[in-house]
Amino acid sequence: MRCLTWALAVILTVVPSVLGGSPSYLKIKTPGSQHPWQVGQSNGVSWVSAFEGVTQFDIELARLKTDGLLFVARNVSTSWNSLNVHLDSVPTGEDYYVLFLDSTHGNVYSMSERFSIIAAGSTPTAGSVATPISGAKEVTLKGGPHPTAQFAYTFVSENAALGGWRNEWVSRGVGIGMGLVGVAVGCVLTVW
């Protein structure tokens, strides 16, 4: 009986916490290993999104071999499906990743394939250079990682407020609340 009680307590704690988060789907289509970015031109980022409760995210560039991040854009709307990034004097390398995240709370929504940034006028060793996406908004990124760097561009928040914060915290509260109810029921069953 005691094992059944503990199993029930664990299930009632873990399952609601996992299910209480807001469901999301965000997949980065480009850039990728076959479409490197080139310094001195606009390069397209494209994605597919189906978010419930999240209205915007931030875009950053990360490298494996170098510390620091390049902050591309803040408050990018999930209703868009592309953004152009003009690279101006960004360091070249073969170990870049695009990250889609909520930099306020540290939630990483998606990460691209590893890709390269090549010098202006260079020819890629594989694939073809990424091209700008017509009709997409554009952000200009300058320089390399710097500890006091800000986002290259901050878009206006949805409804002029922090979009998505309400739904995100409500869903977290529901998950934590359901977990606490599970713990309480488990304790009652243990004592009973």
N, C-alpha and C. Protein backbone atom coordinates (compact mmCIF):
# COMPACT_ATOMS: atom_id res chain seq x y z
N MET A 1 0.83 -1.20 0.00
CA MET A 1 0.00 0.00 0.00
C MET A 1 0.87 1.26 0.00
N ARG A 2 1.97 1.18 0.77
CA ARG A 2 2.84 2.35 0.86
C ARG A 2 3.48 2.67 -0.50
N CYS A 3 3.87 1.64 -1.28
CA CYS A 3 4.45 1.87 -2.62
C CYS A 3 3.42 2.50 -3.54
N LEU A 4 2.19 2.03 -3.46
CA LEU A 4 1.12 2.59 -4.28
C LEU A 4 0.91 4.06 -3.95
N THR A 5 0.97 4.38 -2.66
CA THR A 5 0.78 5.76 -2.22
C THR A 5 1.90 6.65 -2.76
N TRP A 6 3.14 6.18 -2.66
CA TRP A 6 4.27 6.97 -3.15
C TRP A 6 4.20 7.13 -4.67
N ALA A 7 3.84 6.06 -5.36
CA ALA A 7 3.72 6.14 -6.82
C ALA A 7 2.65 7.15 -7.21
N LEU A 8 1.53 7.13 -6.50
CA LEU A 8 0.45 8.07 -6.77
C LEU A 8 0.90 9.51 -6.49
N ALA A 9 1.64 9.70 -5.40
CA ALA A 9 2.13 11.04 -5.06
C ALA A 9 3.07 11.57 -6.14
N VAL A 10 3.96 10.71 -6.63
CA VAL A 10 4.90 11.13 -7.67
C VAL A 10 4.15 11.46 -8.96
N ILE A 11 3.21 10.62 -9.34
CA ILE A 11 2.43 10.86 -10.56
C ILE A 11 1.65 12.16 -10.45
N LEU A 12 1.01 12.38 -9.29
CA LEU A 12 0.22 13.59 -9.12
C LEU A 12 1.08 14.85 -9.03
N THR A 13 2.36 14.69 -8.76
CA THR A 13 3.27 15.83 -8.72
C THR A 13 3.88 16.12 -10.08
N VAL A 14 4.36 15.10 -10.75
CA VAL A 14 5.10 15.29 -12.00
C VAL A 14 4.19 15.58 -13.19
N VAL A 15 3.15 14.80 -13.37
CA VAL A 15 2.29 14.93 -14.55
C VAL A 15 1.68 16.33 -14.68
N PRO A 16 1.07 16.90 -13.63
CA PRO A 16 0.51 18.24 -13.80
C PRO A 16 1.56 19.30 -14.09
N SER A 17 2.76 19.16 -13.50
CA SER A 17 3.80 20.14 -13.75
C SER A 17 4.25 20.12 -15.20
N VAL A 18 4.34 18.93 -15.78
CA VAL A 18 4.75 18.81 -17.18
C VAL A 18 3.65 19.31 -18.10
N LEU A 19 2.41 18.96 -17.81
CA LEU A 19 1.30 19.35 -18.67
C LEU A 19 0.87 20.79 -18.47
N GLY A 20 1.30 21.43 -17.39
CA GLY A 20 0.85 22.79 -17.09
C GLY A 20 1.49 23.87 -17.93
N GLY A 21 2.64 23.58 -18.57
CA GLY A 21 3.30 24.57 -19.40
C GLY A 21 2.53 24.86 -20.67
N SER A 22 2.83 26.00 -21.30
CA SER A 22 2.12 26.34 -22.53
C SER A 22 2.73 25.56 -23.70
N PRO A 23 1.92 24.88 -24.50
CA PRO A 23 2.44 24.14 -25.63
C PRO A 23 2.96 25.09 -26.71
N SER A 24 4.04 24.72 -27.35
CA SER A 24 4.60 25.59 -28.37
C SER A 24 5.28 24.76 -29.45
N TYR A 25 5.39 25.35 -30.62
CA TYR A 25 6.08 24.72 -31.72
C TYR A 25 6.75 25.83 -32.51
N LEU A 26 8.05 25.75 -32.65
CA LEU A 26 8.80 26.75 -33.40
C LEU A 26 9.99 26.05 -34.04
N LYS A 27 10.06 26.05 -35.34
CA LYS A 27 11.15 25.38 -36.06
C LYS A 27 11.83 26.37 -36.99
N ILE A 28 13.15 26.48 -36.85
CA ILE A 28 13.94 27.35 -37.71
C ILE A 28 14.25 26.60 -39.00
N LYS A 29 13.85 27.17 -40.14
CA LYS A 29 14.09 26.54 -41.44
C LYS A 29 15.44 26.96 -42.02
N THR A 30 15.76 28.25 -41.97
CA THR A 30 17.05 28.74 -42.45
C THR A 30 17.57 29.75 -41.44
N PRO A 31 18.86 29.86 -41.22
CA PRO A 31 19.98 29.30 -41.97
C PRO A 31 20.24 27.84 -41.60
N GLY A 32 21.10 27.22 -42.40
CA GLY A 32 21.50 25.84 -42.17
C GLY A 32 22.87 25.60 -42.75
N SER A 33 23.33 24.38 -42.65
CA SER A 33 24.68 24.05 -43.10
C SER A 33 24.87 24.27 -44.61
N GLN A 34 23.80 24.17 -45.38
CA GLN A 34 23.90 24.36 -46.84
C GLN A 34 23.64 25.80 -47.28
N HIS A 35 23.33 26.69 -46.34
CA HIS A 35 23.05 28.09 -46.68
C HIS A 35 23.79 29.03 -45.72
N PRO A 36 25.11 29.18 -45.89
CA PRO A 36 25.86 30.08 -45.01
C PRO A 36 25.47 31.54 -45.22
N TRP A 37 25.69 32.33 -44.19
CA TRP A 37 25.47 33.77 -44.29
C TRP A 37 26.75 34.43 -44.77
N GLN A 38 26.60 35.62 -45.38
CA GLN A 38 27.76 36.34 -45.88
C GLN A 38 27.79 37.75 -45.32
N VAL A 39 28.97 38.16 -44.86
CA VAL A 39 29.16 39.50 -44.33
C VAL A 39 28.98 40.50 -45.47
N GLY A 40 28.34 41.64 -45.17
CA GLY A 40 28.14 42.68 -46.17
C GLY A 40 26.84 42.58 -46.93
N GLN A 41 26.01 41.61 -46.62
CA GLN A 41 24.72 41.49 -47.30
C GLN A 41 23.63 41.06 -46.32
N SER A 42 22.39 41.13 -46.79
CA SER A 42 21.26 40.68 -45.97
C SER A 42 21.08 39.18 -46.13
N ASN A 43 20.85 38.51 -45.02
CA ASN A 43 20.70 37.07 -44.99
C ASN A 43 19.38 36.73 -44.31
N GLY A 44 18.63 35.83 -44.89
CA GLY A 44 17.30 35.53 -44.38
C GLY A 44 17.27 34.47 -43.28
N VAL A 45 16.45 34.73 -42.27
CA VAL A 45 16.11 33.75 -41.25
C VAL A 45 14.64 33.43 -41.48
N SER A 46 14.30 32.16 -41.58
CA SER A 46 12.89 31.80 -41.74
C SER A 46 12.52 30.71 -40.75
N TRP A 47 11.25 30.69 -40.38
CA TRP A 47 10.78 29.73 -39.38
C TRP A 47 9.31 29.42 -39.58
N VAL A 48 8.88 28.37 -38.90
CA VAL A 48 7.48 27.98 -38.85
C VAL A 48 7.10 28.03 -37.38
N SER A 49 5.98 28.68 -37.07
CA SER A 49 5.58 28.76 -35.66
C SER A 49 4.11 28.46 -35.48
N ALA A 50 3.81 27.88 -34.35
CA ALA A 50 2.43 27.63 -33.93
C ALA A 50 2.42 27.75 -32.41
N PHE A 51 2.50 28.96 -31.93
CA PHE A 51 2.56 29.21 -30.49
C PHE A 51 1.18 29.42 -29.92
N GLU A 52 0.98 28.89 -28.75
CA GLU A 52 -0.23 29.15 -28.00
C GLU A 52 0.19 29.85 -26.71
N GLY A 53 -0.13 31.11 -26.60
CA GLY A 53 0.21 31.85 -25.39
C GLY A 53 1.49 32.66 -25.48
N VAL A 54 2.33 32.45 -26.49
CA VAL A 54 3.55 33.23 -26.66
C VAL A 54 3.38 34.05 -27.92
N THR A 55 3.55 35.36 -27.80
CA THR A 55 3.33 36.24 -28.95
C THR A 55 4.61 36.77 -29.57
N GLN A 56 5.74 36.67 -28.86
CA GLN A 56 7.00 37.19 -29.38
C GLN A 56 8.17 36.47 -28.75
N PHE A 57 9.33 36.61 -29.39
CA PHE A 57 10.55 35.98 -28.91
C PHE A 57 11.73 36.84 -29.32
N ASP A 58 12.92 36.48 -28.85
CA ASP A 58 14.14 37.21 -29.17
C ASP A 58 15.04 36.32 -30.02
N ILE A 59 15.87 36.93 -30.85
CA ILE A 59 16.80 36.19 -31.71
C ILE A 59 18.23 36.57 -31.33
N GLU A 60 19.05 35.53 -31.13
CA GLU A 60 20.47 35.73 -30.81
C GLU A 60 21.30 34.79 -31.66
N LEU A 61 22.56 35.16 -31.88
CA LEU A 61 23.53 34.29 -32.55
C LEU A 61 24.53 33.82 -31.50
N ALA A 62 24.83 32.53 -31.52
CA ALA A 62 25.80 31.95 -30.59
C ALA A 62 26.86 31.20 -31.38
N ARG A 63 28.05 31.08 -30.79
CA ARG A 63 29.14 30.32 -31.40
C ARG A 63 29.64 29.27 -30.41
N LEU A 64 30.20 28.19 -30.93
CA LEU A 64 30.75 27.15 -30.07
C LEU A 64 32.14 27.50 -29.56
N LYS A 65 32.99 28.08 -30.41
CA LYS A 65 34.39 28.29 -30.07
C LYS A 65 34.69 29.63 -29.43
N THR A 66 33.71 30.49 -29.32
CA THR A 66 33.92 31.83 -28.79
C THR A 66 32.86 32.15 -27.75
N ASP A 67 33.28 32.75 -26.66
CA ASP A 67 32.32 33.18 -25.65
C ASP A 67 31.55 34.39 -26.14
N GLY A 68 30.35 34.56 -25.62
CA GLY A 68 29.55 35.72 -25.95
C GLY A 68 28.48 35.43 -26.98
N LEU A 69 27.50 36.30 -26.99
CA LEU A 69 26.37 36.20 -27.90
C LEU A 69 26.27 37.46 -28.74
N LEU A 70 25.68 37.33 -29.90
CA LEU A 70 25.35 38.49 -30.73
C LEU A 70 23.84 38.65 -30.64
N PHE A 71 23.40 39.77 -30.10
CA PHE A 71 21.98 40.03 -29.89
C PHE A 71 21.39 40.64 -31.15
N VAL A 72 20.56 39.88 -31.85
CA VAL A 72 20.05 40.30 -33.15
C VAL A 72 18.80 41.15 -33.02
N ALA A 73 17.72 40.58 -32.50
CA ALA A 73 16.45 41.30 -32.45
C ALA A 73 15.65 40.88 -31.23
N ARG A 74 14.96 41.85 -30.65
CA ARG A 74 14.12 41.61 -29.48
C ARG A 74 12.65 41.83 -29.87
N ASN A 75 11.76 41.08 -29.26
CA ASN A 75 10.31 41.20 -29.47
C ASN A 75 9.88 40.90 -30.91
N VAL A 76 10.45 39.85 -31.50
CA VAL A 76 10.05 39.42 -32.84
C VAL A 76 8.70 38.71 -32.72
N SER A 77 7.75 39.07 -33.55
CA SER A 77 6.41 38.50 -33.46
C SER A 77 6.36 37.07 -33.98
N THR A 78 5.65 36.20 -33.28
CA THR A 78 5.48 34.82 -33.75
C THR A 78 4.58 34.75 -34.97
N SER A 79 3.87 35.83 -35.27
CA SER A 79 3.00 35.83 -36.46
C SER A 79 3.80 36.02 -37.75
N TRP A 80 5.04 36.50 -37.65
CA TRP A 80 5.89 36.61 -38.83
C TRP A 80 6.45 35.22 -39.13
N ASN A 81 7.05 35.07 -40.30
CA ASN A 81 7.72 33.81 -40.59
C ASN A 81 9.13 34.02 -41.14
N SER A 82 9.61 35.28 -41.11
CA SER A 82 10.95 35.54 -41.61
C SER A 82 11.47 36.90 -41.13
N LEU A 83 12.79 37.04 -41.20
CA LEU A 83 13.47 38.29 -40.85
C LEU A 83 14.79 38.30 -41.61
N ASN A 84 15.18 39.45 -42.13
CA ASN A 84 16.48 39.58 -42.80
C ASN A 84 17.47 40.19 -41.82
N VAL A 85 18.69 39.63 -41.80
CA VAL A 85 19.76 40.13 -40.93
C VAL A 85 20.91 40.58 -41.82
N HIS A 86 21.17 41.89 -41.84
CA HIS A 86 22.29 42.44 -42.61
C HIS A 86 23.52 42.38 -41.72
N LEU A 87 24.56 41.68 -42.17
CA LEU A 87 25.78 41.53 -41.38
C LEU A 87 26.79 42.59 -41.78
N ASP A 88 27.19 43.41 -40.82
CA ASP A 88 28.16 44.47 -41.05
C ASP A 88 29.32 44.25 -40.09
N SER A 89 30.45 43.80 -40.58
CA SER A 89 31.67 43.54 -39.81
C SER A 89 31.48 42.52 -38.68
N VAL A 90 30.70 41.50 -38.92
CA VAL A 90 30.53 40.40 -37.96
C VAL A 90 31.65 39.39 -38.19
N PRO A 91 32.25 38.83 -37.13
CA PRO A 91 33.34 37.86 -37.31
C PRO A 91 32.88 36.62 -38.10
N THR A 92 33.75 36.14 -38.98
CA THR A 92 33.44 34.93 -39.74
C THR A 92 33.70 33.70 -38.87
N GLY A 93 33.09 32.59 -39.25
CA GLY A 93 33.29 31.34 -38.51
C GLY A 93 32.37 30.25 -39.02
N GLU A 94 32.69 29.03 -38.64
CA GLU A 94 31.91 27.87 -39.08
C GLU A 94 31.09 27.25 -37.96
N ASP A 95 30.92 27.97 -36.87
CA ASP A 95 30.29 27.38 -35.69
C ASP A 95 29.16 28.25 -35.12
N TYR A 96 28.37 28.84 -35.99
CA TYR A 96 27.28 29.71 -35.55
C TYR A 96 25.96 28.94 -35.42
N TYR A 97 25.12 29.41 -34.51
CA TYR A 97 23.76 28.91 -34.33
C TYR A 97 22.84 30.11 -34.13
N VAL A 98 21.63 30.04 -34.66
CA VAL A 98 20.60 31.04 -34.37
C VAL A 98 19.76 30.48 -33.24
N LEU A 99 19.52 31.30 -32.22
CA LEU A 99 18.68 30.90 -31.09
C LEU A 99 17.43 31.75 -31.05
N PHE A 100 16.28 31.12 -30.87
CA PHE A 100 15.02 31.81 -30.62
C PHE A 100 14.71 31.58 -29.16
N LEU A 101 14.58 32.65 -28.39
CA LEU A 101 14.39 32.50 -26.96
C LEU A 101 13.65 33.66 -26.35
N ASP A 102 13.29 33.49 -25.10
CA ASP A 102 12.75 34.56 -24.28
C ASP A 102 13.89 34.94 -23.36
N SER A 103 14.61 36.01 -23.68
CA SER A 103 15.80 36.35 -22.91
C SER A 103 15.48 36.83 -21.50
N THR A 104 14.25 37.26 -21.25
CA THR A 104 13.87 37.70 -19.91
C THR A 104 13.82 36.53 -18.95
N HIS A 105 13.20 35.43 -19.37
CA HIS A 105 13.03 34.27 -18.49
C HIS A 105 13.99 33.14 -18.81
N GLY A 106 14.76 33.25 -19.88
CA GLY A 106 15.74 32.23 -20.23
C GLY A 106 15.17 31.01 -20.92
N ASN A 107 13.96 31.08 -21.45
CA ASN A 107 13.37 29.95 -22.16
C ASN A 107 13.89 29.91 -23.59
N VAL A 108 14.53 28.81 -23.98
CA VAL A 108 14.99 28.63 -25.35
C VAL A 108 13.89 27.90 -26.11
N TYR A 109 13.37 28.54 -27.15
CA TYR A 109 12.28 27.95 -27.93
C TYR A 109 12.79 27.08 -29.07
N SER A 110 13.90 27.49 -29.71
CA SER A 110 14.41 26.73 -30.84
C SER A 110 15.86 27.12 -31.13
N MET A 111 16.58 26.19 -31.78
CA MET A 111 17.96 26.43 -32.17
C MET A 111 18.14 25.92 -33.60
N SER A 112 18.83 26.70 -34.41
CA SER A 112 19.04 26.31 -35.81
C SER A 112 20.10 25.23 -35.92
N GLU A 113 20.28 24.75 -37.15
CA GLU A 113 21.42 23.90 -37.45
C GLU A 113 22.68 24.75 -37.36
N ARG A 114 23.81 24.10 -37.21
CA ARG A 114 25.09 24.81 -37.24
C ARG A 114 25.30 25.35 -38.66
N PHE A 115 25.77 26.59 -38.75
CA PHE A 115 26.01 27.19 -40.07
C PHE A 115 27.23 28.09 -40.01
N SER A 116 27.67 28.54 -41.18
CA SER A 116 28.86 29.38 -41.29
C SER A 116 28.49 30.81 -41.64
N ILE A 117 29.37 31.72 -41.24
CA ILE A 117 29.33 33.09 -41.73
C ILE A 117 30.64 33.29 -42.47
N ILE A 118 30.54 33.62 -43.76
CA ILE A 118 31.73 33.76 -44.59
C ILE A 118 31.98 35.24 -44.91
N ALA A 119 33.22 35.54 -45.27
CA ALA A 119 33.61 36.92 -45.57
C ALA A 119 32.93 37.41 -46.85
N ALA A 120 32.82 38.73 -46.95
CA ALA A 120 32.23 39.35 -48.15
C ALA A 120 33.01 38.92 -49.38
N GLY A 121 32.30 38.53 -50.43
CA GLY A 121 32.93 38.13 -51.67
C GLY A 121 33.42 36.69 -51.70
N SER A 122 33.35 35.98 -50.59
CA SER A 122 33.80 34.58 -50.54
C SER A 122 32.78 33.65 -51.17
N THR A 123 33.26 32.49 -51.58
CA THR A 123 32.38 31.45 -52.12
C THR A 123 32.27 30.35 -51.08
N PRO A 124 31.07 29.90 -50.76
CA PRO A 124 30.92 28.83 -49.77
C PRO A 124 31.48 27.50 -50.26
N THR A 125 32.01 26.70 -49.34
CA THR A 125 32.55 25.39 -49.71
C THR A 125 31.43 24.40 -50.03
N ALA A 126 30.26 24.60 -49.45
CA ALA A 126 29.11 23.72 -49.72
C ALA A 126 27.85 24.56 -49.78
N GLY A 127 26.94 24.19 -50.66
CA GLY A 127 25.66 24.90 -50.74
C GLY A 127 25.79 26.26 -51.39
N SER A 128 24.81 27.10 -51.11
CA SER A 128 24.79 28.46 -51.67
C SER A 128 24.53 29.47 -50.56
N VAL A 129 25.02 30.68 -50.77
CA VAL A 129 24.87 31.74 -49.78
C VAL A 129 23.38 32.04 -49.57
N ALA A 130 23.01 32.26 -48.32
CA ALA A 130 21.62 32.61 -48.01
C ALA A 130 21.25 33.91 -48.70
N THR A 131 20.02 34.02 -49.09
CA THR A 131 19.54 35.22 -49.77
C THR A 131 18.53 35.94 -48.89
N PRO A 132 18.35 37.25 -49.12
CA PRO A 132 17.33 37.97 -48.36
C PRO A 132 15.93 37.49 -48.74
N ILE A 133 15.01 37.60 -47.82
CA ILE A 133 13.63 37.19 -48.04
C ILE A 133 12.82 38.44 -48.35
N SER A 134 12.18 38.46 -49.51
CA SER A 134 11.44 39.66 -49.91
C SER A 134 10.25 39.88 -48.98
N GLY A 135 10.04 41.14 -48.63
CA GLY A 135 8.92 41.52 -47.78
C GLY A 135 9.18 41.38 -46.29
N ALA A 136 10.33 40.82 -45.91
CA ALA A 136 10.64 40.64 -44.48
C ALA A 136 11.29 41.90 -43.92
N LYS A 137 11.09 42.14 -42.64
CA LYS A 137 11.74 43.26 -41.96
C LYS A 137 13.24 42.98 -41.90
N GLU A 138 14.05 44.05 -41.74
CA GLU A 138 15.50 43.88 -41.74
C GLU A 138 16.13 44.50 -40.50
N VAL A 139 17.15 43.81 -40.00
CA VAL A 139 17.92 44.25 -38.84
C VAL A 139 19.38 44.26 -39.26
N THR A 140 20.15 45.27 -38.84
CA THR A 140 21.58 45.33 -39.14
C THR A 140 22.38 44.98 -37.90
N LEU A 141 23.26 44.01 -38.04
CA LEU A 141 24.08 43.53 -36.93
C LEU A 141 25.53 43.93 -37.18
N LYS A 142 26.15 44.63 -36.19
CA LYS A 142 27.52 45.12 -36.34
C LYS A 142 28.41 44.55 -35.25
N GLY A 143 29.64 44.21 -35.62
CA GLY A 143 30.65 43.79 -34.66
C GLY A 143 30.44 42.41 -34.09
N GLY A 144 31.34 42.07 -33.14
CA GLY A 144 31.30 40.76 -32.49
C GLY A 144 30.68 40.82 -31.11
N PRO A 145 30.77 39.72 -30.39
CA PRO A 145 30.21 39.68 -29.03
C PRO A 145 30.88 40.71 -28.13
N HIS A 146 30.10 41.31 -27.27
CA HIS A 146 30.61 42.31 -26.32
C HIS A 146 29.77 42.20 -25.05
N PRO A 147 30.39 42.24 -23.87
CA PRO A 147 29.63 42.02 -22.63
C PRO A 147 28.55 43.06 -22.35
N THR A 148 28.67 44.25 -22.91
CA THR A 148 27.65 45.28 -22.65
C THR A 148 26.78 45.55 -23.88
N ALA A 149 26.84 44.66 -24.85
CA ALA A 149 26.07 44.85 -26.09
C ALA A 149 24.57 44.77 -25.83
N GLN A 150 23.83 45.51 -26.62
CA GLN A 150 22.37 45.48 -26.58
C GLN A 150 21.88 44.80 -27.85
N PHE A 151 20.57 44.56 -27.92
CA PHE A 151 20.00 44.01 -29.15
C PHE A 151 20.19 45.01 -30.29
N ALA A 152 20.50 44.49 -31.48
CA ALA A 152 20.68 45.36 -32.65
C ALA A 152 19.40 46.13 -32.95
N TYR A 153 18.25 45.51 -32.70
CA TYR A 153 16.97 46.19 -32.92
C TYR A 153 15.94 45.61 -31.96
N THR A 154 15.11 46.49 -31.41
CA THR A 154 14.00 46.06 -30.55
C THR A 154 12.71 46.47 -31.22
N PHE A 155 11.91 45.48 -31.58
CA PHE A 155 10.60 45.76 -32.18
C PHE A 155 9.62 46.14 -31.08
N VAL A 156 8.57 46.83 -31.45
CA VAL A 156 7.55 47.24 -30.48
C VAL A 156 6.87 45.99 -29.95
N SER A 157 6.66 45.95 -28.63
CA SER A 157 5.99 44.81 -28.01
C SER A 157 4.55 44.72 -28.48
N GLU A 158 4.01 43.51 -28.47
CA GLU A 158 2.60 43.32 -28.80
C GLU A 158 1.76 44.11 -27.80
N ASN A 159 0.82 44.89 -28.28
CA ASN A 159 -0.07 45.70 -27.45
C ASN A 159 0.68 46.67 -26.55
N ALA A 160 1.88 47.05 -26.93
CA ALA A 160 2.72 47.99 -26.18
C ALA A 160 2.95 47.52 -24.75
N ALA A 161 2.93 46.24 -24.53
CA ALA A 161 3.21 45.65 -23.22
C ALA A 161 4.08 44.42 -23.45
N LEU A 162 4.51 43.81 -22.37
CA LEU A 162 5.28 42.59 -22.51
C LEU A 162 4.35 41.48 -22.97
N GLY A 163 4.37 41.22 -24.25
CA GLY A 163 3.46 40.22 -24.81
C GLY A 163 3.74 38.83 -24.28
N GLY A 164 2.66 38.11 -24.00
CA GLY A 164 2.79 36.73 -23.57
C GLY A 164 3.06 36.52 -22.10
N TRP A 165 3.41 37.56 -21.36
CA TRP A 165 3.76 37.33 -19.96
C TRP A 165 2.59 36.82 -19.17
N ARG A 166 1.43 37.29 -19.45
CA ARG A 166 0.25 36.89 -18.69
C ARG A 166 -0.05 35.40 -18.89
N ASN A 167 -0.13 34.97 -20.12
CA ASN A 167 -0.42 33.57 -20.39
C ASN A 167 0.68 32.65 -19.88
N GLU A 168 1.93 33.09 -20.02
CA GLU A 168 3.04 32.27 -19.56
C GLU A 168 2.98 32.06 -18.05
N TRP A 169 2.75 33.13 -17.31
CA TRP A 169 2.72 32.99 -15.85
C TRP A 169 1.47 32.28 -15.38
N VAL A 170 0.36 32.45 -16.06
CA VAL A 170 -0.85 31.71 -15.70
C VAL A 170 -0.61 30.22 -15.89
N SER A 171 -0.02 29.84 -17.02
CA SER A 171 0.23 28.41 -17.26
C SER A 171 1.22 27.84 -16.26
N ARG A 172 2.25 28.60 -15.91
CA ARG A 172 3.20 28.13 -14.89
C ARG A 172 2.52 27.99 -13.54
N GLY A 173 1.67 28.96 -13.21
CA GLY A 173 0.95 28.91 -11.94
C GLY A 173 0.04 27.70 -11.85
N VAL A 174 -0.63 27.40 -12.95
CA VAL A 174 -1.50 26.21 -12.98
C VAL A 174 -0.67 24.95 -12.78
N GLY A 175 0.45 24.85 -13.46
CA GLY A 175 1.32 23.67 -13.31
C GLY A 175 1.83 23.51 -11.90
N ILE A 176 2.31 24.60 -11.31
CA ILE A 176 2.82 24.53 -9.93
C ILE A 176 1.69 24.24 -8.96
N GLY A 177 0.54 24.88 -9.17
CA GLY A 177 -0.61 24.63 -8.29
C GLY A 177 -1.06 23.18 -8.34
N MET A 178 -1.12 22.62 -9.55
CA MET A 178 -1.52 21.22 -9.67
C MET A 178 -0.48 20.30 -9.02
N GLY A 179 0.78 20.66 -9.14
CA GLY A 179 1.83 19.88 -8.48
C GLY A 179 1.68 19.90 -6.97
N LEU A 180 1.38 21.09 -6.41
CA LEU A 180 1.19 21.20 -4.97
C LEU A 180 -0.03 20.40 -4.50
N VAL A 181 -1.09 20.41 -5.30
CA VAL A 181 -2.26 19.59 -4.96
C VAL A 181 -1.88 18.12 -4.96
N GLY A 182 -1.07 17.70 -5.92
CA GLY A 182 -0.60 16.32 -5.97
C GLY A 182 0.20 15.94 -4.73
N VAL A 183 1.07 16.84 -4.28
CA VAL A 183 1.86 16.59 -3.07
C VAL A 183 0.94 16.48 -1.86
N ALA A 184 -0.03 17.39 -1.76
CA ALA A 184 -0.97 17.36 -0.62
C ALA A 184 -1.77 16.06 -0.61
N VAL A 185 -2.26 15.64 -1.76
CA VAL A 185 -3.03 14.38 -1.83
C VAL A 185 -2.13 13.21 -1.47
N GLY A 186 -0.89 13.21 -1.93
CA GLY A 186 0.05 12.15 -1.58
C GLY A 186 0.32 12.09 -0.09
N CYS A 187 0.49 13.26 0.53
CA CYS A 187 0.71 13.30 1.99
C CYS A 187 -0.50 12.77 2.75
N VAL A 188 -1.68 13.17 2.32
CA VAL A 188 -2.91 12.70 2.99
C VAL A 188 -3.03 11.18 2.85
N LEU A 189 -2.75 10.66 1.68
CA LEU A 189 -2.82 9.21 1.47
C LEU A 189 -1.76 8.47 2.28
N THR A 190 -0.59 9.08 2.46
CA THR A 190 0.46 8.45 3.25
C THR A 190 0.07 8.38 4.72
N VAL A 191 -0.48 9.45 5.24
CA VAL A 191 -0.88 9.50 6.65
C VAL A 191 -2.11 8.63 6.88
N TRP A 192 -2.99 8.61 5.92
CA TRP A 192 -4.26 7.88 6.05
C TRP A 192 -4.00 6.44 6.02
